[in-house]
């Protein structure tokens, strides 16, 4: 006691410094506690409805609900036989048309010209005979030796022979002069049309296979083998799993504490003592009322901003829709 009275001034100083230290420590703790930011969110659900691009009967359904798929995996197929038959027919038609076009370019062979000339000469003789016979019938009609019907038949025979001769002459002229440019252009246009039809069949054949557009999980299987498929009828619902992110919300008063690229630790109830590394990849520029599925009640009536935290889930622990806690 005597010592305290003797060193009263020193004791007062020590007590004052101790009080200041306590106040400073308390302020430091409060400041640090305020800087700690904790957000709550869920693993985002992103779904794709998968349907065939064309119509047809489903031949195979290769995946079931819950199956994991990788980008490019075949999920289902349509019966391709009708298109395969159509392709065979189109290829045969193209081959025939290509030969026709080549024939027009090459012109008529000398043997064909000789054959056409011989046909013209034969038809000239036939036409001359028919004309002579018709003249004789007219003379006999005047004397009453034949009926009008016989004359009419003779005239019809002559007109037919004349028509055949004219056609043969035109064929010979074409053989001697080659195909007209208009004929060649028409034949080439027909060839292009057939090739376009074949390309269309081949494209439709490629669309008889339904593949996964990205890594994911089959959430729903909506059709079965034997069902009729169409572009309007989804076959699977695929939940995308890459990349994964947590959708969370931050209030306006804490918005200034975060930024894109900021590192974060993501905790889930299944592994409470471990965290998954992540970083902020998106911060919304528009305020909204807190969605109903947010876990914390004190945020549900506040204006908040959406935040996406992209995670590197190397052990595949996160499941679609799973709640998560994010600490910065």
C-alpha atoms as a PDB file:
ATOM      1  CA  UNK A   1       0.000   0.000   0.000  1.00  0.00           C
ATOM      2  CA  UNK A   2       2.824   2.348   0.889  1.00  0.00           C
ATOM      3  CA  UNK A   3       4.436   1.517  -2.425  1.00  0.00           C
ATOM      4  CA  UNK A   4       1.200   2.386  -4.283  1.00  0.00           C
ATOM      5  CA  UNK A   5       0.896   5.666  -2.437  1.00  0.00           C
ATOM      6  CA  UNK A   6       4.512   6.398  -3.106  1.00  0.00           C
ATOM      7  CA  UNK A   7       4.173   5.597  -6.806  1.00  0.00           C
ATOM      8  CA  UNK A   8       0.630   6.838  -7.239  1.00  0.00           C
ATOM      9  CA  UNK A   9       1.414   8.741 -10.358  1.00  0.00           C
ATOM     10  CA  UNK A  10       3.007   5.732 -12.018  1.00  0.00           C
ATOM     11  CA  UNK A  11       0.000   3.549 -11.178  1.00  0.00           C
ATOM     12  CA  UNK A  12      -2.376   6.077 -12.710  1.00  0.00           C
ATOM     13  CA  UNK A  13      -0.317   6.134 -15.906  1.00  0.00           C
ATOM     14  CA  UNK A  14      -0.242   2.329 -16.110  1.00  0.00           C
ATOM     15  CA  UNK A  15      -3.998   2.119 -15.555  1.00  0.00           C
ATOM     16  CA  UNK A  16      -4.616   4.785 -18.220  1.00  0.00           C
ATOM     17  CA  UNK A  17      -2.420   2.991 -20.751  1.00  0.00           C
ATOM     18  CA  UNK A  18      -4.181  -0.314 -19.976  1.00  0.00           C
ATOM     19  CA  UNK A  19      -7.586   1.270 -20.583  1.00  0.00           C
ATOM     20  CA  UNK A  20      -6.375   2.722 -23.891  1.00  0.00           C
ATOM     21  CA  UNK A  21      -5.053  -0.677 -24.958  1.00  0.00           C
ATOM     22  CA  UNK A  22      -8.363  -2.344 -24.123  1.00  0.00           C
ATOM     23  CA  UNK A  23     -10.279   0.289 -26.061  1.00  0.00           C
ATOM     24  CA  UNK A  24      -7.884  -0.025 -29.008  1.00  0.00           C
ATOM     25  CA  UNK A  25      -8.100  -3.801 -29.039  1.00  0.00           C
ATOM     26  CA  UNK A  26     -11.880  -3.677 -28.895  1.00  0.00           C
ATOM     27  CA  UNK A  27     -11.974  -1.207 -31.792  1.00  0.00           C
ATOM     28  CA  UNK A  28      -9.544  -3.374 -33.762  1.00  0.00           C
ATOM     29  CA  UNK A  29     -11.673  -6.458 -33.187  1.00  0.00           C
ATOM     30  CA  UNK A  30     -14.841  -4.663 -34.241  1.00  0.00           C
ATOM     31  CA  UNK A  31     -13.169  -3.292 -37.362  1.00  0.00           C
ATOM     32  CA  UNK A  32     -11.814  -6.682 -38.369  1.00  0.00           C
ATOM     33  CA  UNK A  33     -15.138  -8.354 -37.656  1.00  0.00           C
ATOM     34  CA  UNK A  34     -16.896  -5.836 -39.909  1.00  0.00           C
ATOM     35  CA  UNK A  35     -14.484  -6.590 -42.738  1.00  0.00           C
ATOM     36  CA  UNK A  36     -15.358 -10.296 -42.709  1.00  0.00           C
ATOM     37  CA  UNK A  37     -17.969 -10.838 -45.415  1.00  0.00           C
ATOM     38  CA  UNK A  38     -20.113 -13.957 -45.536  1.00  0.00           C
ATOM     39  CA  UNK A  39     -22.607 -14.632 -48.346  1.00  0.00           C
ATOM     40  CA  UNK A  40     -25.117 -17.421 -48.772  1.00  0.00           C
ATOM     41  CA  UNK A  41     -26.176 -18.936 -52.075  1.00  0.00           C
ATOM     42  CA  UNK A  42     -26.807 -22.074 -54.096  1.00  0.00           C
ATOM     43  CA  UNK A  43     -25.048 -23.975 -56.840  1.00  0.00           C
ATOM     44  CA  UNK A  44     -26.741 -22.547 -59.914  1.00  0.00           C
ATOM     45  CA  UNK A  45     -29.118 -24.693 -61.973  1.00  0.00           C
ATOM     46  CA  UNK A  46     -28.627 -24.348 -65.748  1.00  0.00           C
ATOM     47  CA  UNK A  47     -30.726 -26.627 -67.906  1.00  0.00           C
ATOM     48  CA  UNK A  48     -30.912 -27.359 -71.637  1.00  0.00           C
ATOM     49  CA  UNK A  49     -33.863 -29.011 -73.376  1.00  0.00           C
ATOM     50  CA  UNK A  50     -32.457 -31.384 -75.988  1.00  0.00           C
ATOM     51  CA  UNK A  51     -34.529 -32.349 -79.038  1.00  0.00           C
ATOM     52  CA  UNK A  52     -33.800 -33.794 -82.471  1.00  0.00           C
ATOM     53  CA  UNK A  53     -33.499 -31.282 -85.292  1.00  0.00           C
ATOM     54  CA  UNK A  54     -35.718 -33.413 -87.520  1.00  0.00           C
ATOM     55  CA  UNK A  55     -38.649 -35.781 -87.274  1.00  0.00           C
ATOM     56  CA  UNK A  56     -38.548 -39.556 -87.129  1.00  0.00           C
ATOM     57  CA  UNK A  57     -39.018 -42.610 -84.964  1.00  0.00           C
ATOM     58  CA  UNK A  58     -36.590 -42.968 -82.046  1.00  0.00           C
ATOM     59  CA  UNK A  59     -34.273 -45.949 -82.568  1.00  0.00           C
ATOM     60  CA  UNK A  60     -32.053 -45.734 -79.463  1.00  0.00           C
ATOM     61  CA  UNK A  61     -32.168 -44.014 -76.052  1.00  0.00           C
ATOM     62  CA  UNK A  62     -28.666 -44.438 -74.649  1.00  0.00           C
ATOM     63  CA  UNK A  63     -28.769 -42.452 -71.386  1.00  0.00           C
ATOM     64  CA  UNK A  64     -30.849 -42.590 -68.209  1.00  0.00           C
ATOM     65  CA  UNK A  65     -31.695 -40.025 -65.549  1.00  0.00           C
ATOM     66  CA  UNK A  66     -28.697 -39.298 -63.356  1.00  0.00           C
ATOM     67  CA  UNK A  67     -26.098 -40.302 -65.958  1.00  0.00           C
ATOM     68  CA  UNK A  68     -23.100 -38.023 -66.372  1.00  0.00           C
ATOM     69  CA  UNK A  69     -22.303 -37.100 -69.965  1.00  0.00           C
ATOM     70  CA  UNK A  70     -19.429 -35.321 -71.665  1.00  0.00           C
ATOM     71  CA  UNK A  71     -19.607 -32.909 -74.563  1.00  0.00           C
ATOM     72  CA  UNK A  72     -20.123 -34.855 -77.805  1.00  0.00           C
ATOM     73  CA  UNK A  73     -21.501 -38.037 -76.195  1.00  0.00           C
ATOM     74  CA  UNK A  74     -24.270 -39.699 -78.238  1.00  0.00           C
ATOM     75  CA  UNK A  75     -27.518 -39.596 -76.272  1.00  0.00           C
ATOM     76  CA  UNK A  76     -30.100 -40.973 -78.721  1.00  0.00           C
ATOM     77  CA  UNK A  77     -30.621 -41.857 -82.402  1.00  0.00           C
ATOM     78  CA  UNK A  78     -33.470 -41.914 -84.904  1.00  0.00           C
ATOM     79  CA  UNK A  79     -34.236 -44.639 -87.455  1.00  0.00           C
ATOM     80  CA  UNK A  80     -31.966 -43.642 -90.350  1.00  0.00           C
ATOM     81  CA  UNK A  81     -33.001 -46.272 -92.908  1.00  0.00           C
ATOM     82  CA  UNK A  82     -35.494 -44.065 -94.854  1.00  0.00           C
ATOM     83  CA  UNK A  83     -32.829 -41.411 -95.338  1.00  0.00           C
ATOM     84  CA  UNK A  84     -30.186 -43.974 -96.325  1.00  0.00           C
ATOM     85  CA  UNK A  85     -32.506 -45.260 -99.065  1.00  0.00           C
ATOM     86  CA  UNK A  86     -33.201 -41.698-100.248  1.00  0.00           C
ATOM     87  CA  UNK A  87     -29.447 -41.011-100.384  1.00  0.00           C
ATOM     88  CA  UNK A  88     -28.845 -44.122-102.524  1.00  0.00           C
ATOM     89  CA  UNK A  89     -31.545 -43.004-104.986  1.00  0.00           C
ATOM     90  CA  UNK A  90     -30.189 -39.453-105.117  1.00  0.00           C
ATOM     91  CA  UNK A  91     -26.640 -40.668-105.793  1.00  0.00           C
ATOM     92  CA  UNK A  92     -27.893 -42.869-108.642  1.00  0.00           C
ATOM     93  CA  UNK A  93     -29.815 -39.946-110.169  1.00  0.00           C
ATOM     94  CA  UNK A  94     -26.723 -37.735-109.933  1.00  0.00           C
ATOM     95  CA  UNK A  95     -24.579 -40.346-111.685  1.00  0.00           C
ATOM     96  CA  UNK A  96     -27.088 -40.563-114.544  1.00  0.00           C
ATOM     97  CA  UNK A  97     -27.321 -36.789-114.865  1.00  0.00           C
ATOM     98  CA  UNK A  98     -23.526 -36.403-114.823  1.00  0.00           C
ATOM     99  CA  UNK A  99     -23.333 -38.847-117.736  1.00  0.00           C
ATOM    100  CA  UNK A 100     -25.975 -36.829-119.588  1.00  0.00           C
ATOM    101  CA  UNK A 101     -24.071 -33.577-119.072  1.00  0.00           C
ATOM    102  CA  UNK A 102     -20.838 -35.202-120.241  1.00  0.00           C
ATOM    103  CA  UNK A 103     -22.616 -36.518-123.312  1.00  0.00           C
ATOM    104  CA  UNK A 104     -23.824 -33.029-124.202  1.00  0.00           C
ATOM    105  CA  UNK A 105     -20.297 -31.667-123.899  1.00  0.00           C
ATOM    106  CA  UNK A 106     -18.781 -34.480-125.957  1.00  0.00           C
ATOM    107  CA  UNK A 107     -21.341 -34.175-128.735  1.00  0.00           C
ATOM    108  CA  UNK A 108     -22.752 -36.990-130.878  1.00  0.00           C
ATOM    109  CA  UNK A 109     -20.464 -39.819-131.979  1.00  0.00           C
ATOM    110  CA  UNK A 110     -19.911 -40.469-135.707  1.00  0.00           C
ATOM    111  CA  UNK A 111     -21.688 -43.832-135.461  1.00  0.00           C
ATOM    112  CA  UNK A 112     -24.764 -42.103-134.063  1.00  0.00           C
ATOM    113  CA  UNK A 113     -24.699 -39.553-136.906  1.00  0.00           C
ATOM    114  CA  UNK A 114     -24.551 -42.364-139.498  1.00  0.00           C
ATOM    115  CA  UNK A 115     -27.432 -44.100-137.752  1.00  0.00           C
ATOM    116  CA  UNK A 116     -29.479 -40.873-137.724  1.00  0.00           C
ATOM    117  CA  UNK A 117     -28.742 -40.312-141.447  1.00  0.00           C
ATOM    118  CA  UNK A 118     -29.872 -43.840-142.300  1.00  0.00           C
ATOM    119  CA  UNK A 119     -33.077 -43.362-140.346  1.00  0.00           C
ATOM    120  CA  UNK A 120     -33.826 -40.132-142.234  1.00  0.00           C
ATOM    121  CA  UNK A 121     -33.315 -41.862-145.571  1.00  0.00           C
ATOM    122  CA  UNK A 122     -35.577 -44.743-144.567  1.00  0.00           C
ATOM    123  CA  UNK A 123     -38.299 -42.400-143.365  1.00  0.00           C
ATOM    124  CA  UNK A 124     -38.026 -40.320-146.579  1.00  0.00           C
ATOM    125  CA  UNK A 125     -38.789 -43.432-148.601  1.00  0.00           C
ATOM    126  CA  UNK A 126     -41.657 -44.312-146.267  1.00  0.00           C
ATOM    127  CA  UNK A 127     -43.078 -40.796-146.463  1.00  0.00           C
ATOM    128  CA  UNK A 128     -42.795 -40.790-150.284  1.00  0.00           C
ATOM    129  CA  UNK A 129     -44.623 -44.106-150.540  1.00  0.00           C
ATOM    130  CA  UNK A 130     -47.333 -42.921-148.187  1.00  0.00           C
ATOM    131  CA  UNK A 131     -47.778 -39.712-150.184  1.00  0.00           C
ATOM    132  CA  UNK A 132     -48.002 -41.633-153.472  1.00  0.00           C
ATOM    133  CA  UNK A 133     -50.519 -44.044-151.992  1.00  0.00           C
ATOM    134  CA  UNK A 134     -52.610 -41.140-150.725  1.00  0.00           C
ATOM    135  CA  UNK A 135     -52.660 -39.571-154.251  1.00  0.00           C
ATOM    136  CA  UNK A 136     -53.780 -42.871-155.784  1.00  0.00           C
ATOM    137  CA  UNK A 137     -56.602 -43.120-153.235  1.00  0.00           C
ATOM    138  CA  UNK A 138     -57.826 -39.649-154.211  1.00  0.00           C
ATOM    139  CA  UNK A 139     -58.033 -40.682-157.906  1.00  0.00           C
ATOM    140  CA  UNK A 140     -59.910 -43.846-157.029  1.00  0.00           C
ATOM    141  CA  UNK A 141     -62.322 -41.859-154.873  1.00  0.00           C
ATOM    142  CA  UNK A 142     -63.268 -39.721-157.896  1.00  0.00           C
ATOM    143  CA  UNK A 143     -64.164 -42.820-159.876  1.00  0.00           C
ATOM    144  CA  UNK A 144     -66.045 -44.267-156.933  1.00  0.00           C
ATOM    145  CA  UNK A 145     -63.724 -47.246-156.632  1.00  0.00           C
ATOM    146  CA  UNK A 146     -62.902 -46.592-152.909  1.00  0.00           C
ATOM    147  CA  UNK A 147     -64.718 -45.113-149.960  1.00  0.00           C
ATOM    148  CA  UNK A 148     -63.964 -41.848-148.199  1.00  0.00           C
ATOM    149  CA  UNK A 149     -62.779 -43.873-145.191  1.00  0.00           C
ATOM    150  CA  UNK A 150     -60.009 -45.460-147.271  1.00  0.00           C
ATOM    151  CA  UNK A 151     -58.877 -42.029-148.389  1.00  0.00           C
ATOM    152  CA  UNK A 152     -58.857 -40.745-144.825  1.00  0.00           C
ATOM    153  CA  UNK A 153     -56.784 -43.712-143.688  1.00  0.00           C
ATOM    154  CA  UNK A 154     -54.269 -43.112-146.494  1.00  0.00           C
ATOM    155  CA  UNK A 155     -53.992 -39.445-145.542  1.00  0.00           C
ATOM    156  CA  UNK A 156     -53.432 -40.301-141.877  1.00  0.00           C
ATOM    157  CA  UNK A 157     -50.676 -42.743-142.871  1.00  0.00           C
ATOM    158  CA  UNK A 158     -48.984 -40.062-144.959  1.00  0.00           C
ATOM    159  CA  UNK A 159     -49.218 -37.417-142.179  1.00  0.00           C
ATOM    160  CA  UNK A 160     -47.706 -39.867-139.658  1.00  0.00           C
ATOM    161  CA  UNK A 161     -44.832 -40.716-141.958  1.00  0.00           C
ATOM    162  CA  UNK A 162     -44.240 -37.007-142.554  1.00  0.00           C
ATOM    163  CA  UNK A 163     -44.112 -36.297-138.817  1.00  0.00           C
ATOM    164  CA  UNK A 164     -41.650 -39.133-138.218  1.00  0.00           C
ATOM    165  CA  UNK A 165     -39.459 -37.825-141.026  1.00  0.00           C
ATOM    166  CA  UNK A 166     -39.431 -34.291-139.622  1.00  0.00           C
ATOM    167  CA  UNK A 167     -38.442 -35.610-136.164  1.00  0.00           C
ATOM    168  CA  UNK A 168     -35.643 -37.712-137.663  1.00  0.00           C
ATOM    169  CA  UNK A 169     -34.342 -34.712-139.621  1.00  0.00           C
ATOM    170  CA  UNK A 170     -34.305 -32.602-136.447  1.00  0.00           C
ATOM    171  CA  UNK A 171     -32.392 -35.359-134.631  1.00  0.00           C
ATOM    172  CA  UNK A 172     -29.863 -35.532-137.456  1.00  0.00           C
ATOM    173  CA  UNK A 173     -29.453 -31.764-137.449  1.00  0.00           C
ATOM    174  CA  UNK A 174     -28.822 -31.826-133.701  1.00  0.00           C
ATOM    175  CA  UNK A 175     -26.306 -34.633-134.083  1.00  0.00           C
ATOM    176  CA  UNK A 176     -24.415 -32.731-136.765  1.00  0.00           C
ATOM    177  CA  UNK A 177     -24.394 -29.419-134.898  1.00  0.00           C
ATOM    178  CA  UNK A 178     -23.998 -30.637-131.290  1.00  0.00           C
ATOM    179  CA  UNK A 179     -26.026 -29.688-128.243  1.00  0.00           C
ATOM    180  CA  UNK A 180     -27.238 -26.129-127.871  1.00  0.00           C
ATOM    181  CA  UNK A 181     -25.804 -24.064-125.014  1.00  0.00           C
ATOM    182  CA  UNK A 182     -29.300 -23.794-123.559  1.00  0.00           C
ATOM    183  CA  UNK A 183     -29.533 -27.589-123.351  1.00  0.00           C
ATOM    184  CA  UNK A 184     -26.183 -27.810-121.591  1.00  0.00           C
ATOM    185  CA  UNK A 185     -27.139 -25.102-119.084  1.00  0.00           C
ATOM    186  CA  UNK A 186     -30.445 -26.816-118.384  1.00  0.00           C
ATOM    187  CA  UNK A 187     -28.720 -30.160-117.824  1.00  0.00           C
ATOM    188  CA  UNK A 188     -26.154 -28.578-115.465  1.00  0.00           C
ATOM    189  CA  UNK A 189     -28.913 -26.833-113.510  1.00  0.00           C
ATOM    190  CA  UNK A 190     -30.686 -30.157-113.108  1.00  0.00           C
ATOM    191  CA  UNK A 191     -27.437 -31.696-111.862  1.00  0.00           C
ATOM    192  CA  UNK A 192     -27.019 -28.935-109.259  1.00  0.00           C
ATOM    193  CA  UNK A 193     -30.583 -29.466-108.091  1.00  0.00           C
ATOM    194  CA  UNK A 194     -29.943 -33.185-107.607  1.00  0.00           C
ATOM    195  CA  UNK A 195     -26.724 -32.463-105.698  1.00  0.00           C
ATOM    196  CA  UNK A 196     -28.558 -30.019-103.415  1.00  0.00           C
ATOM    197  CA  UNK A 197     -31.166 -32.670-102.728  1.00  0.00           C
ATOM    198  CA  UNK A 198     -28.409 -35.157-101.841  1.00  0.00           C
ATOM    199  CA  UNK A 199     -26.761 -32.621 -99.491  1.00  0.00           C
ATOM    200  CA  UNK A 200     -30.106 -32.101 -97.788  1.00  0.00           C
ATOM    201  CA  UNK A 201     -30.539 -35.843 -97.256  1.00  0.00           C
ATOM    202  CA  UNK A 202     -27.015 -36.153 -95.860  1.00  0.00           C
ATOM    203  CA  UNK A 203     -27.582 -33.260 -93.460  1.00  0.00           C
ATOM    204  CA  UNK A 204     -30.840 -34.793 -92.281  1.00  0.00           C
ATOM    205  CA  UNK A 205     -28.993 -38.092 -91.777  1.00  0.00           C
ATOM    206  CA  UNK A 206     -26.441 -36.358 -89.543  1.00  0.00           C
ATOM    207  CA  UNK A 207     -29.312 -34.966 -87.479  1.00  0.00           C
ATOM    208  CA  UNK A 208     -30.579 -38.459 -86.626  1.00  0.00           C
ATOM    209  CA  UNK A 209     -27.943 -38.518 -83.864  1.00  0.00           C
ATOM    210  CA  UNK A 210     -28.521 -36.440 -80.717  1.00  0.00           C
ATOM    211  CA  UNK A 211     -25.309 -35.468 -78.902  1.00  0.00           C
ATOM    212  CA  UNK A 212     -24.580 -33.654 -75.645  1.00  0.00           C
ATOM    213  CA  UNK A 213     -23.741 -29.974 -76.317  1.00  0.00           C
ATOM    214  CA  UNK A 214     -21.639 -29.760 -73.136  1.00  0.00           C
ATOM    215  CA  UNK A 215     -20.654 -31.628 -69.988  1.00  0.00           C
ATOM    216  CA  UNK A 216     -23.626 -32.270 -67.771  1.00  0.00           C
ATOM    217  CA  UNK A 217     -26.023 -34.546 -65.958  1.00  0.00           C
ATOM    218  CA  UNK A 218     -29.185 -36.111 -67.402  1.00  0.00           C
ATOM    219  CA  UNK A 219     -31.921 -34.575 -65.272  1.00  0.00           C
ATOM    220  CA  UNK A 220     -34.969 -35.962 -67.145  1.00  0.00           C
ATOM    221  CA  UNK A 221     -35.559 -38.624 -69.803  1.00  0.00           C
ATOM    222  CA  UNK A 222     -38.714 -37.600 -71.628  1.00  0.00           C
ATOM    223  CA  UNK A 223     -39.001 -40.117 -74.498  1.00  0.00           C
ATOM    224  CA  UNK A 224     -38.553 -43.812 -75.167  1.00  0.00           C
ATOM    225  CA  UNK A 225     -37.575 -46.064 -78.084  1.00  0.00           C
ATOM    226  CA  UNK A 226     -40.388 -46.150 -80.636  1.00  0.00           C
ATOM    227  CA  UNK A 227     -41.708 -42.663 -79.888  1.00  0.00           C
ATOM    228  CA  UNK A 228     -42.002 -40.169 -82.734  1.00  0.00           C
ATOM    229  CA  UNK A 229     -39.517 -37.321 -82.315  1.00  0.00           C
ATOM    230  CA  UNK A 230     -39.780 -33.755 -83.590  1.00  0.00           C
ATOM    231  CA  UNK A 231     -37.942 -30.459 -83.026  1.00  0.00           C
ATOM    232  CA  UNK A 232     -40.782 -29.357 -80.726  1.00  0.00           C
ATOM    233  CA  UNK A 233     -40.558 -32.441 -78.470  1.00  0.00           C
ATOM    234  CA  UNK A 234     -37.576 -32.509 -76.026  1.00  0.00           C
ATOM    235  CA  UNK A 235     -36.004 -35.923 -75.494  1.00  0.00           C
ATOM    236  CA  UNK A 236     -33.771 -35.109 -72.512  1.00  0.00           C
ATOM    237  CA  UNK A 237     -33.319 -32.312 -69.998  1.00  0.00           C
ATOM    238  CA  UNK A 238     -29.589 -31.784 -69.450  1.00  0.00           C
ATOM    239  CA  UNK A 239     -28.227 -29.944 -66.409  1.00  0.00           C
ATOM    240  CA  UNK A 240     -24.925 -28.294 -67.295  1.00  0.00           C
ATOM    241  CA  UNK A 241     -22.098 -28.791 -64.807  1.00  0.00           C
ATOM    242  CA  UNK A 242     -19.230 -26.877 -66.365  1.00  0.00           C
ATOM    243  CA  UNK A 243     -18.356 -24.258 -65.438  1.00  0.00           C
ATOM    244  CA  UNK A 244     -19.848 -24.376 -61.919  1.00  0.00           C
ATOM    245  CA  UNK A 245     -20.749 -21.266 -59.994  1.00  0.00           C
ATOM    246  CA  UNK A 246     -22.541 -20.247 -56.830  1.00  0.00           C
ATOM    247  CA  UNK A 247     -25.292 -17.667 -57.157  1.00  0.00           C
ATOM    248  CA  UNK A 248     -25.297 -15.430 -54.064  1.00  0.00           C
ATOM    249  CA  UNK A 249     -26.494 -11.925 -53.147  1.00  0.00           C
ATOM    250  CA  UNK A 250     -24.801  -9.000 -51.415  1.00  0.00           C
ATOM    251  CA  UNK A 251     -26.461  -5.966 -49.839  1.00  0.00           C
ATOM    252  CA  UNK A 252     -25.693  -2.470 -51.072  1.00  0.00           C
ATOM    253  CA  UNK A 253     -23.774  -1.472 -47.940  1.00  0.00           C
ATOM    254  CA  UNK A 254     -21.317  -4.361 -48.482  1.00  0.00           C
ATOM    255  CA  UNK A 255     -21.146  -4.071 -52.262  1.00  0.00           C
ATOM    256  CA  UNK A 256     -18.024  -1.908 -52.134  1.00  0.00           C
ATOM    257  CA  UNK A 257     -16.114  -4.648 -50.314  1.00  0.00           C
ATOM    258  CA  UNK A 258     -16.073  -7.040 -53.269  1.00  0.00           C
ATOM    259  CA  UNK A 259     -14.835  -6.931 -56.848  1.00  0.00           C
ATOM    260  CA  UNK A 260     -14.573  -9.266 -59.831  1.00  0.00           C
ATOM    261  CA  UNK A 261     -11.619 -11.618 -59.532  1.00  0.00           C
ATOM    262  CA  UNK A 262     -11.740 -11.529 -55.721  1.00  0.00           C
ATOM    263  CA  UNK A 263     -10.826 -14.863 -54.120  1.00  0.00           C
ATOM    264  CA  UNK A 264     -13.395 -16.701 -51.990  1.00  0.00           C
ATOM    265  CA  UNK A 265     -13.789 -19.827 -49.887  1.00  0.00           C
ATOM    266  CA  UNK A 266     -16.915 -21.908 -50.456  1.00  0.00           C
ATOM    267  CA  UNK A 267     -18.223 -24.153 -47.675  1.00  0.00           C
ATOM    268  CA  UNK A 268     -20.967 -26.774 -47.884  1.00  0.00           C
ATOM    269  CA  UNK A 269     -22.713 -28.694 -45.120  1.00  0.00           C
ATOM    270  CA  UNK A 270     -21.373 -32.050 -46.342  1.00  0.00           C
ATOM    271  CA  UNK A 271     -17.764 -30.925 -45.678  1.00  0.00           C
ATOM    272  CA  UNK A 272     -18.050 -28.192 -43.025  1.00  0.00           C
ATOM    273  CA  UNK A 273     -14.330 -28.139 -42.191  1.00  0.00           C
ATOM    274  CA  UNK A 274     -13.110 -27.961 -45.773  1.00  0.00           C
ATOM    275  CA  UNK A 275     -13.518 -25.286 -48.407  1.00  0.00           C
ATOM    276  CA  UNK A 276     -13.511 -25.083 -52.197  1.00  0.00           C
ATOM    277  CA  UNK A 277     -11.565 -22.275 -53.795  1.00  0.00           C
ATOM    278  CA  UNK A 278     -13.401 -19.841 -55.987  1.00  0.00           C
ATOM    279  CA  UNK A 279     -13.448 -16.294 -57.223  1.00  0.00           C
ATOM    280  CA  UNK A 280     -16.034 -13.686 -58.148  1.00  0.00           C
ATOM    281  CA  UNK A 281     -16.724 -13.780 -61.877  1.00  0.00           C
ATOM    282  CA  UNK A 282     -19.778 -11.537 -62.123  1.00  0.00           C
ATOM    283  CA  UNK A 283     -21.429  -8.767 -60.104  1.00  0.00           C
ATOM    284  CA  UNK A 284     -24.806  -7.503 -61.264  1.00  0.00           C
ATOM    285  CA  UNK A 285     -25.226  -3.790 -62.027  1.00  0.00           C
ATOM    286  CA  UNK A 286     -28.931  -3.900 -61.166  1.00  0.00           C
ATOM    287  CA  UNK A 287     -30.427  -4.098 -57.675  1.00  0.00           C
ATOM    288  CA  UNK A 288     -33.290  -6.497 -56.982  1.00  0.00           C
ATOM    289  CA  UNK A 289     -35.319  -7.746 -54.068  1.00  0.00           C
ATOM    290  CA  UNK A 290     -33.814 -10.837 -52.512  1.00  0.00           C
ATOM    291  CA  UNK A 291     -35.198 -14.053 -54.071  1.00  0.00           C
ATOM    292  CA  UNK A 292     -37.289 -16.253 -51.782  1.00  0.00           C
ATOM    293  CA  UNK A 293     -34.808 -19.116 -51.831  1.00  0.00           C
ATOM    294  CA  UNK A 294     -32.084 -17.120 -50.020  1.00  0.00           C
ATOM    295  CA  UNK A 295     -31.368 -18.839 -46.733  1.00  0.00           C
ATOM    296  CA  UNK A 296     -30.900 -15.827 -44.428  1.00  0.00           C
ATOM    297  CA  UNK A 297     -34.187 -14.245 -43.290  1.00  0.00           C
ATOM    298  CA  UNK A 298     -32.663 -10.830 -42.581  1.00  0.00           C
ATOM    299  CA  UNK A 299     -31.860 -10.390 -46.292  1.00  0.00           C
ATOM    300  CA  UNK A 300     -35.241 -11.337 -47.716  1.00  0.00           C
ATOM    301  CA  UNK A 301     -36.682  -7.837 -47.656  1.00  0.00           C
ATOM    302  CA  UNK A 302     -33.480  -6.056 -48.717  1.00  0.00           C
ATOM    303  CA  UNK A 303     -32.342  -4.764 -52.071  1.00  0.00           C
ATOM    304  CA  UNK A 304     -29.378  -6.858 -53.122  1.00  0.00           C
ATOM    305  CA  UNK A 305     -27.030  -7.457 -56.046  1.00  0.00           C
ATOM    306  CA  UNK A 306     -26.452 -10.840 -57.637  1.00  0.00           C
ATOM    307  CA  UNK A 307     -22.933 -12.246 -57.384  1.00  0.00           C
ATOM    308  CA  UNK A 308     -21.547 -15.307 -59.145  1.00  0.00           C
ATOM    309  CA  UNK A 309     -18.657 -17.143 -57.551  1.00  0.00           C
ATOM    310  CA  UNK A 310     -16.969 -19.508 -59.996  1.00  0.00           C
ATOM    311  CA  UNK A 311     -15.455 -22.553 -58.302  1.00  0.00           C
ATOM    312  CA  UNK A 312     -12.813 -25.132 -59.124  1.00  0.00           C
ATOM    313  CA  UNK A 313     -14.656 -28.249 -57.936  1.00  0.00           C
ATOM    314  CA  UNK A 314     -11.908 -30.766 -58.720  1.00  0.00           C
ATOM    315  CA  UNK A 315     -13.468 -33.431 -56.445  1.00  0.00           C
ATOM    316  CA  UNK A 316     -16.977 -32.905 -57.876  1.00  0.00           C
ATOM    317  CA  UNK A 317     -18.533 -32.300 -54.469  1.00  0.00           C
ATOM    318  CA  UNK A 318     -20.999 -29.625 -55.490  1.00  0.00           C
ATOM    319  CA  UNK A 319     -24.433 -30.707 -56.651  1.00  0.00           C
ATOM    320  CA  UNK A 320     -26.959 -28.649 -58.557  1.00  0.00           C
ATOM    321  CA  UNK A 321     -29.090 -26.554 -56.196  1.00  0.00           C
ATOM    322  CA  UNK A 322     -26.919 -27.304 -53.141  1.00  0.00           C
ATOM    323  CA  UNK A 323     -26.750 -24.455 -50.568  1.00  0.00           C
ATOM    324  CA  UNK A 324     -23.332 -22.985 -49.907  1.00  0.00           C
ATOM    325  CA  UNK A 325     -21.636 -20.448 -47.634  1.00  0.00           C
ATOM    326  CA  UNK A 326     -19.096 -18.093 -49.171  1.00  0.00           C
ATOM    327  CA  UNK A 327     -16.454 -16.362 -47.059  1.00  0.00           C
ATOM    328  CA  UNK A 328     -14.056 -13.637 -48.185  1.00  0.00           C
END
